[in-house]
Amino acid sequence: MSVDRAASSAGADRAPRRVLYIEDEPLNALLMTEMFRGHEGWSLQIEPDGASGLRAAREDAPELLLIDMNLPDMTGLELIAQLRADPVTARLPCIALSADAMPEQARAAKHAGFDDYWTKPISIAQMWVQLAQWLP
């Protein structure tokens, strides 16, 4: 599933910012799709599990990854280990998404290699502020 938004006419010479969201829960994927809808200059690709997300991260050149911590085939911690071990994906900004708001979970995710940790439900306004910080 993907939502592609073309660059606005003012920024037509710049390709859309590419975000890969790895999420197995259809409702969460739909909500993120709706959050990106209408935001010119951004492209969202969604993959439903760790294996397809890893493949897309390697082949589709996203600029940032949003990764659910509980995927059907692996945990977010297992996925980040594979991403960081691969020279193609090692430097990609990766943000963990989880309903678990415990500080120790966020610390564990960052220690494992995530650049940031966002808790669900995600505030739309806050998400755009944070995305602008990661992809100015």
N, C-alpha and C. Protein backbone atom coordinates (compact mmCIF):
# COMPACT_ATOMS: atom_id res chain seq x y z
N MET A 1 0.85 -1.16 0.00
CA MET A 1 0.00 0.00 0.00
C MET A 1 0.89 1.22 0.00
N SER A 2 0.55 2.22 -0.79
CA SER A 2 1.33 3.44 -0.75
C SER A 2 0.45 4.63 -1.05
N VAL A 3 0.88 5.76 -0.53
CA VAL A 3 0.24 7.03 -0.81
C VAL A 3 1.35 7.91 -1.36
N ASP A 4 1.22 8.32 -2.61
CA ASP A 4 2.24 9.17 -3.22
C ASP A 4 1.62 10.53 -3.48
N ARG A 5 2.30 11.54 -3.02
CA ARG A 5 1.87 12.90 -3.26
C ARG A 5 2.97 13.59 -4.05
N ALA A 6 2.60 14.20 -5.15
CA ALA A 6 3.57 14.91 -5.98
C ALA A 6 4.02 16.17 -5.27
N ALA A 7 5.20 16.61 -5.63
CA ALA A 7 5.71 17.87 -5.08
C ALA A 7 4.82 19.01 -5.54
N SER A 8 4.71 20.03 -4.69
CA SER A 8 3.90 21.19 -5.07
C SER A 8 4.57 21.93 -6.22
N SER A 9 3.81 22.77 -6.89
CA SER A 9 4.37 23.48 -8.03
C SER A 9 5.54 24.36 -7.62
N ALA A 10 5.53 24.87 -6.38
CA ALA A 10 6.64 25.70 -5.92
C ALA A 10 7.90 24.87 -5.73
N GLY A 11 7.73 23.58 -5.43
CA GLY A 11 8.89 22.72 -5.21
C GLY A 11 8.94 21.58 -6.20
N ALA A 12 8.46 21.82 -7.41
CA ALA A 12 8.35 20.76 -8.40
C ALA A 12 9.71 20.20 -8.81
N ASP A 13 10.77 20.97 -8.60
CA ASP A 13 12.09 20.48 -8.97
C ASP A 13 12.67 19.54 -7.93
N ARG A 14 12.00 19.38 -6.80
CA ARG A 14 12.47 18.49 -5.74
C ARG A 14 11.55 17.27 -5.64
N ALA A 15 12.15 16.11 -5.57
CA ALA A 15 11.37 14.88 -5.45
C ALA A 15 10.67 14.84 -4.09
N PRO A 16 9.55 14.15 -4.01
CA PRO A 16 8.85 14.02 -2.73
C PRO A 16 9.74 13.35 -1.68
N ARG A 17 9.57 13.73 -0.43
CA ARG A 17 10.26 13.08 0.68
C ARG A 17 9.65 11.69 0.85
N ARG A 18 10.49 10.67 0.88
CA ARG A 18 10.02 9.28 0.89
C ARG A 18 10.09 8.68 2.29
N VAL A 19 8.93 8.28 2.81
CA VAL A 19 8.82 7.67 4.13
C VAL A 19 8.29 6.26 3.96
N LEU A 20 8.94 5.32 4.61
CA LEU A 20 8.49 3.92 4.64
C LEU A 20 7.94 3.63 6.02
N TYR A 21 6.71 3.15 6.08
CA TYR A 21 6.06 2.80 7.35
C TYR A 21 5.88 1.29 7.36
N ILE A 22 6.49 0.63 8.33
CA ILE A 22 6.39 -0.83 8.45
C ILE A 22 5.41 -1.11 9.58
N GLU A 23 4.23 -1.58 9.20
CA GLU A 23 3.10 -1.72 10.14
C GLU A 23 2.16 -2.80 9.66
N ASP A 24 1.82 -3.73 10.54
CA ASP A 24 0.94 -4.84 10.17
C ASP A 24 -0.53 -4.59 10.48
N GLU A 25 -0.82 -3.66 11.33
CA GLU A 25 -2.20 -3.39 11.73
C GLU A 25 -2.87 -2.51 10.69
N PRO A 26 -3.88 -3.03 9.98
CA PRO A 26 -4.52 -2.27 8.89
C PRO A 26 -5.06 -0.90 9.34
N LEU A 27 -5.63 -0.83 10.53
CA LEU A 27 -6.18 0.45 10.99
C LEU A 27 -5.07 1.48 11.18
N ASN A 28 -3.94 1.08 11.76
CA ASN A 28 -2.82 2.00 11.93
C ASN A 28 -2.27 2.44 10.57
N ALA A 29 -2.20 1.52 9.62
CA ALA A 29 -1.73 1.86 8.27
C ALA A 29 -2.69 2.85 7.62
N LEU A 30 -3.98 2.63 7.78
CA LEU A 30 -4.98 3.54 7.22
C LEU A 30 -4.88 4.93 7.86
N LEU A 31 -4.71 4.97 9.17
CA LEU A 31 -4.59 6.26 9.85
C LEU A 31 -3.36 7.03 9.35
N MET A 32 -2.24 6.34 9.18
CA MET A 32 -1.04 7.01 8.69
C MET A 32 -1.24 7.48 7.25
N THR A 33 -1.91 6.66 6.45
CA THR A 33 -2.22 7.05 5.07
C THR A 33 -3.02 8.35 5.07
N GLU A 34 -4.00 8.42 5.93
CA GLU A 34 -4.84 9.63 6.02
C GLU A 34 -4.03 10.83 6.52
N MET A 35 -3.07 10.59 7.42
CA MET A 35 -2.23 11.68 7.92
C MET A 35 -1.38 12.28 6.79
N PHE A 36 -0.96 11.44 5.84
CA PHE A 36 -0.13 11.91 4.74
C PHE A 36 -0.95 12.46 3.57
N ARG A 37 -2.23 12.07 3.51
CA ARG A 37 -3.06 12.50 2.38
C ARG A 37 -3.14 14.02 2.33
N GLY A 38 -2.89 14.55 1.16
CA GLY A 38 -2.99 15.99 0.98
C GLY A 38 -1.73 16.76 1.34
N HIS A 39 -0.72 16.09 1.84
CA HIS A 39 0.54 16.76 2.17
C HIS A 39 1.47 16.66 0.97
N GLU A 40 1.47 17.69 0.16
CA GLU A 40 2.28 17.72 -1.05
C GLU A 40 3.76 17.60 -0.69
N GLY A 41 4.49 16.96 -1.56
CA GLY A 41 5.92 16.84 -1.35
C GLY A 41 6.32 15.66 -0.48
N TRP A 42 5.37 14.80 -0.15
CA TRP A 42 5.66 13.63 0.68
C TRP A 42 5.13 12.37 0.00
N SER A 43 5.85 11.28 0.16
CA SER A 43 5.46 9.98 -0.38
C SER A 43 5.52 8.97 0.75
N LEU A 44 4.44 8.25 0.97
CA LEU A 44 4.37 7.23 2.03
C LEU A 44 4.20 5.86 1.39
N GLN A 45 5.06 4.94 1.80
CA GLN A 45 4.95 3.54 1.38
C GLN A 45 4.73 2.73 2.65
N ILE A 46 3.81 1.77 2.60
CA ILE A 46 3.52 0.94 3.76
C ILE A 46 3.81 -0.51 3.42
N GLU A 47 4.53 -1.17 4.32
CA GLU A 47 4.81 -2.60 4.21
C GLU A 47 4.28 -3.29 5.47
N PRO A 48 3.69 -4.49 5.33
CA PRO A 48 2.97 -5.11 6.44
C PRO A 48 3.79 -5.99 7.39
N ASP A 49 5.05 -6.19 7.12
CA ASP A 49 5.85 -7.04 8.01
C ASP A 49 7.33 -6.69 7.89
N GLY A 50 8.12 -7.26 8.77
CA GLY A 50 9.54 -6.94 8.81
C GLY A 50 10.28 -7.33 7.55
N ALA A 51 10.00 -8.51 7.00
CA ALA A 51 10.71 -8.98 5.81
C ALA A 51 10.45 -8.07 4.61
N SER A 52 9.20 -7.72 4.36
CA SER A 52 8.90 -6.85 3.22
C SER A 52 9.40 -5.43 3.49
N GLY A 53 9.37 -5.01 4.74
CA GLY A 53 9.90 -3.70 5.10
C GLY A 53 11.40 -3.62 4.88
N LEU A 54 12.10 -4.68 5.26
CA LEU A 54 13.55 -4.73 5.06
C LEU A 54 13.89 -4.68 3.56
N ARG A 55 13.15 -5.44 2.77
CA ARG A 55 13.36 -5.43 1.32
C ARG A 55 13.11 -4.03 0.76
N ALA A 56 12.01 -3.41 1.15
CA ALA A 56 11.69 -2.07 0.65
C ALA A 56 12.74 -1.04 1.10
N ALA A 57 13.23 -1.17 2.31
CA ALA A 57 14.26 -0.24 2.79
C ALA A 57 15.53 -0.36 1.95
N ARG A 58 15.84 -1.57 1.53
CA ARG A 58 17.04 -1.80 0.73
C ARG A 58 16.85 -1.39 -0.73
N GLU A 59 15.66 -1.60 -1.28
CA GLU A 59 15.45 -1.43 -2.72
C GLU A 59 14.78 -0.12 -3.12
N ASP A 60 13.97 0.47 -2.27
CA ASP A 60 13.14 1.60 -2.67
C ASP A 60 13.66 2.97 -2.23
N ALA A 61 14.80 3.01 -1.57
CA ALA A 61 15.47 4.26 -1.18
C ALA A 61 14.61 5.24 -0.39
N PRO A 62 13.97 4.79 0.69
CA PRO A 62 13.25 5.76 1.52
C PRO A 62 14.26 6.66 2.24
N GLU A 63 13.78 7.81 2.67
CA GLU A 63 14.64 8.73 3.42
C GLU A 63 14.49 8.56 4.92
N LEU A 64 13.39 7.93 5.34
CA LEU A 64 13.11 7.74 6.76
C LEU A 64 12.20 6.54 6.92
N LEU A 65 12.40 5.79 8.00
CA LEU A 65 11.55 4.64 8.28
C LEU A 65 10.79 4.85 9.59
N LEU A 66 9.51 4.55 9.57
CA LEU A 66 8.67 4.47 10.76
C LEU A 66 8.41 2.99 10.96
N ILE A 67 8.74 2.46 12.14
CA ILE A 67 8.70 1.01 12.33
C ILE A 67 7.89 0.66 13.57
N ASP A 68 6.83 -0.11 13.37
CA ASP A 68 6.06 -0.64 14.49
C ASP A 68 6.94 -1.63 15.25
N MET A 69 6.83 -1.62 16.56
CA MET A 69 7.70 -2.49 17.37
C MET A 69 7.21 -3.93 17.44
N ASN A 70 5.96 -4.18 17.07
CA ASN A 70 5.41 -5.54 17.15
C ASN A 70 4.90 -5.96 15.78
N LEU A 71 5.78 -6.55 15.01
CA LEU A 71 5.43 -7.02 13.68
C LEU A 71 5.17 -8.53 13.72
N PRO A 72 4.44 -9.07 12.74
CA PRO A 72 4.08 -10.49 12.80
C PRO A 72 5.27 -11.44 12.64
N ASP A 73 6.32 -11.02 11.96
CA ASP A 73 7.43 -11.94 11.71
C ASP A 73 8.69 -11.63 12.50
N MET A 74 8.74 -10.47 13.14
CA MET A 74 9.90 -10.12 13.96
C MET A 74 9.55 -8.90 14.80
N THR A 75 10.36 -8.63 15.79
CA THR A 75 10.15 -7.43 16.60
C THR A 75 10.85 -6.26 15.94
N GLY A 76 10.49 -5.07 16.35
CA GLY A 76 11.18 -3.89 15.87
C GLY A 76 12.66 -3.92 16.22
N LEU A 77 12.99 -4.49 17.37
CA LEU A 77 14.40 -4.59 17.77
C LEU A 77 15.18 -5.52 16.84
N GLU A 78 14.55 -6.61 16.43
CA GLU A 78 15.20 -7.51 15.47
C GLU A 78 15.38 -6.83 14.12
N LEU A 79 14.37 -6.08 13.71
CA LEU A 79 14.43 -5.40 12.42
C LEU A 79 15.51 -4.31 12.43
N ILE A 80 15.59 -3.53 13.49
CA ILE A 80 16.59 -2.46 13.52
C ILE A 80 18.00 -3.05 13.52
N ALA A 81 18.18 -4.20 14.14
CA ALA A 81 19.50 -4.84 14.11
C ALA A 81 19.90 -5.19 12.68
N GLN A 82 18.95 -5.70 11.90
CA GLN A 82 19.24 -6.04 10.51
C GLN A 82 19.48 -4.78 9.66
N LEU A 83 18.71 -3.75 9.91
CA LEU A 83 18.89 -2.50 9.17
C LEU A 83 20.25 -1.87 9.45
N ARG A 84 20.64 -1.86 10.70
CA ARG A 84 21.91 -1.23 11.09
C ARG A 84 23.11 -2.05 10.64
N ALA A 85 22.94 -3.36 10.44
CA ALA A 85 24.04 -4.22 10.01
C ALA A 85 24.29 -4.16 8.50
N ASP A 86 23.35 -3.60 7.75
CA ASP A 86 23.44 -3.55 6.29
C ASP A 86 23.96 -2.18 5.86
N PRO A 87 25.06 -2.12 5.11
CA PRO A 87 25.59 -0.82 4.69
C PRO A 87 24.60 0.03 3.89
N VAL A 88 23.67 -0.60 3.20
CA VAL A 88 22.68 0.14 2.40
C VAL A 88 21.70 0.90 3.29
N THR A 89 21.37 0.33 4.45
CA THR A 89 20.34 0.92 5.32
C THR A 89 20.87 1.41 6.67
N ALA A 90 22.15 1.23 6.92
CA ALA A 90 22.71 1.51 8.24
C ALA A 90 22.50 2.94 8.71
N ARG A 91 22.48 3.88 7.80
CA ARG A 91 22.39 5.30 8.19
C ARG A 91 20.99 5.90 8.04
N LEU A 92 20.02 5.10 7.62
CA LEU A 92 18.67 5.62 7.49
C LEU A 92 18.10 6.02 8.84
N PRO A 93 17.47 7.19 8.95
CA PRO A 93 16.79 7.52 10.19
C PRO A 93 15.63 6.55 10.40
N CYS A 94 15.58 5.94 11.58
CA CYS A 94 14.55 4.96 11.92
C CYS A 94 13.87 5.38 13.21
N ILE A 95 12.55 5.45 13.16
CA ILE A 95 11.76 5.85 14.31
C ILE A 95 10.85 4.71 14.70
N ALA A 96 10.94 4.32 15.97
CA ALA A 96 10.10 3.26 16.50
C ALA A 96 8.73 3.83 16.85
N LEU A 97 7.68 3.06 16.55
CA LEU A 97 6.32 3.43 16.94
C LEU A 97 5.76 2.31 17.80
N SER A 98 5.21 2.68 18.95
CA SER A 98 4.68 1.67 19.85
C SER A 98 3.61 2.27 20.75
N ALA A 99 2.68 1.43 21.18
CA ALA A 99 1.70 1.84 22.17
C ALA A 99 2.30 1.80 23.57
N ASP A 100 3.47 1.19 23.72
CA ASP A 100 4.15 1.07 25.00
C ASP A 100 4.88 2.37 25.31
N ALA A 101 4.37 3.12 26.29
CA ALA A 101 4.94 4.43 26.62
C ALA A 101 5.91 4.36 27.79
N MET A 102 6.31 3.18 28.21
CA MET A 102 7.22 3.05 29.34
C MET A 102 8.61 3.57 28.95
N PRO A 103 9.22 4.40 29.80
CA PRO A 103 10.54 4.97 29.49
C PRO A 103 11.61 3.91 29.21
N GLU A 104 11.55 2.78 29.89
CA GLU A 104 12.57 1.75 29.65
C GLU A 104 12.45 1.15 28.25
N GLN A 105 11.24 1.09 27.70
CA GLN A 105 11.07 0.60 26.33
C GLN A 105 11.69 1.58 25.33
N ALA A 106 11.46 2.85 25.55
CA ALA A 106 12.04 3.86 24.67
C ALA A 106 13.56 3.82 24.75
N ARG A 107 14.11 3.68 25.96
CA ARG A 107 15.57 3.59 26.11
C ARG A 107 16.12 2.36 25.40
N ALA A 108 15.43 1.23 25.55
CA ALA A 108 15.88 -0.01 24.90
C ALA A 108 15.87 0.14 23.38
N ALA A 109 14.85 0.78 22.85
CA ALA A 109 14.76 0.98 21.40
C ALA A 109 15.89 1.87 20.90
N LYS A 110 16.15 2.95 21.60
CA LYS A 110 17.23 3.85 21.20
C LYS A 110 18.59 3.17 21.34
N HIS A 111 18.76 2.40 22.39
CA HIS A 111 20.01 1.66 22.59
C HIS A 111 20.23 0.65 21.47
N ALA A 112 19.15 0.07 20.95
CA ALA A 112 19.24 -0.92 19.88
C ALA A 112 19.55 -0.29 18.52
N GLY A 113 19.37 1.03 18.41
CA GLY A 113 19.71 1.68 17.14
C GLY A 113 18.64 2.59 16.56
N PHE A 114 17.47 2.67 17.20
CA PHE A 114 16.45 3.61 16.72
C PHE A 114 16.89 5.03 17.01
N ASP A 115 16.54 5.94 16.12
CA ASP A 115 16.89 7.34 16.30
C ASP A 115 15.90 8.08 17.18
N ASP A 116 14.66 7.57 17.23
CA ASP A 116 13.63 8.21 18.04
C ASP A 116 12.58 7.16 18.36
N TYR A 117 11.69 7.50 19.29
CA TYR A 117 10.64 6.57 19.75
C TYR A 117 9.37 7.38 19.93
N TRP A 118 8.35 7.07 19.12
CA TRP A 118 7.07 7.76 19.21
C TRP A 118 6.03 6.80 19.76
N THR A 119 5.17 7.32 20.63
CA THR A 119 4.12 6.47 21.18
C THR A 119 2.80 6.72 20.45
N LYS A 120 2.06 5.63 20.32
CA LYS A 120 0.73 5.69 19.71
C LYS A 120 -0.29 5.94 20.82
N PRO A 121 -1.36 6.63 20.54
CA PRO A 121 -1.70 7.24 19.26
C PRO A 121 -0.82 8.45 18.98
N ILE A 122 -0.54 8.66 17.71
CA ILE A 122 0.35 9.73 17.28
C ILE A 122 -0.47 11.00 17.03
N SER A 123 0.00 12.09 17.57
CA SER A 123 -0.60 13.39 17.30
C SER A 123 -0.21 13.82 15.88
N ILE A 124 -1.19 14.17 15.08
CA ILE A 124 -0.92 14.57 13.70
C ILE A 124 -0.01 15.79 13.66
N ALA A 125 -0.34 16.81 14.45
CA ALA A 125 0.47 18.03 14.45
C ALA A 125 1.89 17.74 14.91
N GLN A 126 2.03 16.95 15.96
CA GLN A 126 3.36 16.63 16.48
C GLN A 126 4.16 15.79 15.47
N MET A 127 3.48 14.89 14.78
CA MET A 127 4.17 14.06 13.79
C MET A 127 4.81 14.93 12.71
N TRP A 128 4.07 15.94 12.21
CA TRP A 128 4.62 16.79 11.15
C TRP A 128 5.77 17.64 11.66
N VAL A 129 5.70 18.08 12.90
CA VAL A 129 6.82 18.83 13.49
C VAL A 129 8.06 17.93 13.56
N GLN A 130 7.87 16.69 14.03
CA GLN A 130 8.99 15.77 14.17
C GLN A 130 9.53 15.33 12.81
N LEU A 131 8.66 15.09 11.85
CA LEU A 131 9.13 14.72 10.51
C LEU A 131 9.97 15.86 9.91
N ALA A 132 9.53 17.09 10.13
CA ALA A 132 10.29 18.23 9.61
C ALA A 132 11.66 18.33 10.26
N GLN A 133 11.78 17.89 11.51
CA GLN A 133 13.08 17.88 12.16
C GLN A 133 13.99 16.81 11.57
N TRP A 134 13.42 15.65 11.25
CA TRP A 134 14.23 14.55 10.69
C TRP A 134 14.53 14.76 9.21
N LEU A 135 13.59 15.35 8.48
CA LEU A 135 13.76 15.58 7.05
C LEU A 135 13.47 17.04 6.73
N PRO A 136 14.40 17.93 7.09
CA PRO A 136 14.14 19.37 6.89
C PRO A 136 14.00 19.73 5.43
